[in-house]
Amino acid sequence: MNNSEYAAYLRGRSLLGAVYRRFYLYPKLGKFIKGRILDIGCGVGDFLAYKKQAVGVDINPFNVDYCVRRGLNAQLMDVDKLPQQDHSFDAIVLDNVLEHINNPFPILAEINRVLSVDGRLVVGVPGIKGYASDADHKVWYDEALLEDVALKSGFRIEEYFYVPFFKSKYLSAKMSQYCIYSLWTPRISRGKDE
């Protein structure tokens, strides 16, 4: 799919999916993040509409244009290059983005650069059925691969949570909305290496 087609695909998601995100998923994510928030891969701006003070970035100009027309704070970014200043965000959301990237380390280095020293990164990846539902997905993540990538990119995973309910191989295989979420923090905290 080209950028225009992918943007149209994102805008065509179901009303039920929008209600699920607005009233269940985003309030759950909101418990883990506060302060100045960056949404990487903001898509059509669902999270930005929920957290009005958040800033979104996306590599797809059609998504950014759509968000801006909705009155949301979205900016175009280059692949693996964030237009934000060092340590300028308290929290970053990477929701259903990592699986679209063959090599996650350049963008994770950028995230480490713009995240405050005591900041939090929330990473969400789809389960088995969700991963299979999008031809643009490139890498499937389970907890072991998430741990490996976090460690190699200067983060530690503080906890996991599973949406919509709990950890389940059955739901992962049968429900496209099922996702693994993890809370990452920089391994260097409060100015010292722990």
Protein backbone atom coordinates (compact mmCIF):
# COMPACT_ATOMS: atom_id res chain seq x y z
CA MET A 1 0.00 0.00 0.00
CA ASN A 2 1.22 3.50 -0.71
CA ASN A 3 0.88 6.35 1.83
CA SER A 4 -2.48 7.54 0.51
CA GLU A 5 -3.96 4.04 0.54
CA TYR A 6 -2.65 3.30 4.03
CA ALA A 7 -4.07 6.57 5.38
CA ALA A 8 -7.47 5.68 3.84
CA TYR A 9 -7.21 2.20 5.39
CA LEU A 10 -6.66 3.73 8.83
CA ARG A 11 -9.59 6.12 8.42
CA GLY A 12 -11.84 3.19 7.47
CA ARG A 13 -11.61 1.40 10.80
CA SER A 14 -14.86 0.47 12.53
CA LEU A 15 -16.94 2.57 14.90
CA LEU A 16 -16.65 -0.23 17.46
CA GLY A 17 -12.85 0.02 17.21
CA ALA A 18 -13.01 3.78 17.77
CA VAL A 19 -15.23 3.35 20.83
CA TYR A 20 -12.92 0.62 22.17
CA ARG A 21 -9.86 2.87 21.83
CA ARG A 22 -11.53 6.01 23.22
CA PHE A 23 -13.26 4.53 26.23
CA TYR A 24 -11.15 1.49 27.12
CA LEU A 25 -7.65 1.43 25.62
CA TYR A 26 -6.62 5.08 25.97
CA PRO A 27 -7.83 5.46 29.58
CA LYS A 28 -5.80 2.33 30.38
CA LEU A 29 -2.69 3.75 28.67
CA GLY A 30 -3.28 7.07 30.42
CA LYS A 31 -2.61 5.43 33.78
CA PHE A 32 1.01 4.89 32.75
CA ILE A 33 1.82 8.28 31.22
CA LYS A 34 1.67 11.91 32.25
CA GLY A 35 3.28 15.23 31.47
CA ARG A 36 4.37 16.16 27.96
CA ILE A 37 3.44 13.23 25.67
CA LEU A 38 4.67 12.31 22.18
CA ASP A 39 2.67 9.85 20.06
CA ILE A 40 4.97 8.33 17.44
CA GLY A 41 3.12 6.94 14.42
CA CYS A 42 0.03 8.93 15.37
CA GLY A 43 -1.89 7.71 12.32
CA VAL A 44 -5.28 9.39 12.05
CA GLY A 45 -4.95 10.99 15.48
CA ASP A 46 -7.19 8.89 17.70
CA PHE A 47 -4.83 9.17 20.68
CA LEU A 48 -4.21 12.88 19.98
CA ALA A 49 -7.96 13.49 20.08
CA TYR A 50 -8.08 11.72 23.46
CA LYS A 51 -5.04 13.52 24.93
CA LYS A 52 -5.43 17.01 23.46
CA GLN A 53 -2.09 18.23 24.87
CA ALA A 54 -0.13 15.39 23.21
CA VAL A 55 2.04 15.94 20.15
CA GLY A 56 1.93 13.42 17.31
CA VAL A 57 4.42 12.55 14.59
CA ASP A 58 4.03 10.30 11.56
CA ILE A 59 6.02 9.53 8.41
CA ASN A 60 2.85 9.52 6.31
CA PRO A 61 2.01 13.05 5.09
CA PHE A 62 -1.63 12.06 4.46
CA ASN A 63 -2.03 11.08 8.13
CA VAL A 64 -0.41 14.30 9.32
CA ASP A 65 -2.58 16.41 7.02
CA TYR A 66 -5.71 14.60 8.25
CA CYS A 67 -4.74 15.21 11.89
CA VAL A 68 -3.98 18.88 11.29
CA ARG A 69 -7.36 19.31 9.57
CA ARG A 70 -8.92 17.84 12.72
CA GLY A 71 -7.18 20.53 14.78
CA LEU A 72 -4.66 18.11 16.31
CA ASN A 73 -0.98 18.81 16.94
CA ALA A 74 0.70 16.49 14.41
CA GLN A 75 4.00 16.89 12.60
CA LEU A 76 5.66 15.10 9.73
CA MET A 77 8.81 13.19 10.64
CA ASP A 78 11.51 11.63 8.53
CA VAL A 79 12.03 7.88 8.89
CA ASP A 80 13.97 7.26 12.11
CA LYS A 81 14.42 10.99 12.81
CA LEU A 82 12.24 12.83 15.33
CA PRO A 83 11.90 16.61 14.90
CA GLN A 84 11.81 17.18 18.69
CA GLN A 85 14.54 18.47 20.99
CA ASP A 86 16.57 16.31 23.39
CA HIS A 87 14.77 15.20 26.57
CA SER A 88 11.66 17.19 25.69
CA PHE A 89 8.98 14.57 26.55
CA ASP A 90 7.96 12.90 29.79
CA ALA A 91 6.19 10.06 28.01
CA ILE A 92 6.18 8.54 24.56
CA VAL A 93 3.57 6.24 23.05
CA LEU A 94 4.60 3.74 20.38
CA ASP A 95 1.27 2.00 19.87
CA ASN A 96 1.16 -0.60 17.10
CA VAL A 97 4.17 0.91 15.34
CA LEU A 98 7.18 -1.27 16.20
CA GLU A 99 5.90 -4.22 14.16
CA HIS A 100 5.95 -2.03 11.01
CA ILE A 101 9.72 -1.48 11.28
CA ASN A 102 12.39 -3.96 10.13
CA ASN A 103 15.13 -2.41 12.25
CA PRO A 104 13.77 -0.77 15.43
CA PHE A 105 17.08 0.47 16.81
CA PRO A 106 17.40 3.82 14.97
CA ILE A 107 13.96 5.03 16.10
CA LEU A 108 14.52 3.68 19.62
CA ALA A 109 17.78 5.68 19.76
CA GLU A 110 15.79 8.76 18.77
CA ILE A 111 13.18 7.96 21.43
CA ASN A 112 15.96 7.68 24.00
CA ARG A 113 17.21 11.09 22.84
CA VAL A 114 13.88 12.95 23.16
CA LEU A 115 12.60 11.15 26.28
CA SER A 116 13.36 12.77 29.64
CA VAL A 117 15.80 10.92 31.87
CA ASP A 118 12.96 9.72 34.11
CA GLY A 119 10.54 9.34 31.21
CA ARG A 120 8.31 6.45 30.23
CA LEU A 121 7.79 4.73 26.91
CA VAL A 122 4.65 2.68 26.33
CA VAL A 123 5.06 0.12 23.55
CA GLY A 124 2.09 -1.78 22.17
CA VAL A 125 2.36 -4.62 19.65
CA PRO A 126 -0.37 -6.81 18.20
CA GLY A 127 -1.01 -10.41 19.06
CA ILE A 128 -0.96 -13.20 16.48
CA LYS A 129 -4.25 -12.40 14.73
CA GLY A 130 -3.68 -8.64 14.74
CA TYR A 131 -0.20 -9.12 13.32
CA ALA A 132 -1.55 -11.29 10.49
CA SER A 133 -4.29 -8.77 9.64
CA ASP A 134 -2.00 -6.07 8.18
CA ALA A 135 0.24 -6.74 5.18
CA ASP A 136 2.53 -3.88 6.27
CA HIS A 137 3.59 -5.71 9.45
CA LYS A 138 7.22 -6.84 9.28
CA VAL A 139 8.24 -8.22 12.70
CA TRP A 140 6.14 -10.18 15.20
CA TYR A 141 6.99 -9.49 18.84
CA ASP A 142 6.48 -11.59 21.90
CA GLU A 143 7.71 -10.72 25.39
CA ALA A 144 11.13 -12.32 24.84
CA LEU A 145 11.85 -10.28 21.71
CA LEU A 146 10.54 -7.10 23.37
CA GLU A 147 12.91 -7.71 26.31
CA ASP A 148 15.84 -8.24 23.94
CA VAL A 149 15.10 -5.10 21.90
CA ALA A 150 14.56 -2.99 25.02
CA LEU A 151 17.85 -4.10 26.57
CA LYS A 152 19.83 -3.54 23.36
CA SER A 153 18.37 -0.05 22.95
CA GLY A 154 19.06 1.26 26.46
CA PHE A 155 15.73 0.55 28.15
CA ARG A 156 14.35 -1.81 30.74
CA ILE A 157 10.80 -3.14 30.72
CA GLU A 158 9.12 -2.35 34.03
CA GLU A 159 5.88 -4.25 33.40
CA TYR A 160 3.57 -5.82 30.85
CA PHE A 161 -0.15 -5.48 30.47
CA TYR A 162 -2.46 -7.12 27.98
CA VAL A 163 -5.39 -5.54 26.23
CA PRO A 164 -8.29 -6.01 26.20
CA PHE A 165 -8.18 -8.28 29.24
CA PHE A 166 -5.23 -10.45 30.29
CA LYS A 167 -2.39 -12.53 28.86
CA SER A 168 -3.89 -15.22 26.66
CA LYS A 169 -2.53 -17.26 23.74
CA TYR A 170 -6.13 -18.04 22.80
CA LEU A 171 -7.18 -14.38 22.60
CA SER A 172 -3.95 -13.54 20.76
CA ALA A 173 -4.84 -16.07 18.08
CA LYS A 174 -8.56 -15.26 17.88
CA MET A 175 -8.96 -11.53 18.54
CA SER A 176 -7.40 -8.92 16.26
CA GLN A 177 -7.63 -6.22 18.98
CA TYR A 178 -5.49 -8.25 21.40
CA CYS A 179 -2.17 -6.51 22.09
CA ILE A 180 0.83 -6.84 24.35
CA TYR A 181 1.74 -3.54 26.04
CA SER A 182 4.91 -2.88 27.94
CA LEU A 183 6.18 0.03 29.99
CA TRP A 184 9.80 0.90 29.22
CA THR A 185 12.09 3.23 31.16
CA PRO A 186 15.62 4.35 30.33
CA ARG A 187 18.28 2.20 32.01
CA ILE A 188 20.11 5.38 32.98
CA SER A 189 17.84 7.04 35.50
CA ARG A 190 18.24 10.26 37.50
CA GLY A 191 21.66 10.78 35.98
CA LYS A 192 23.27 7.53 37.11
CA ASP A 193 23.60 4.11 35.52
CA GLU A 194 21.69 1.53 37.54
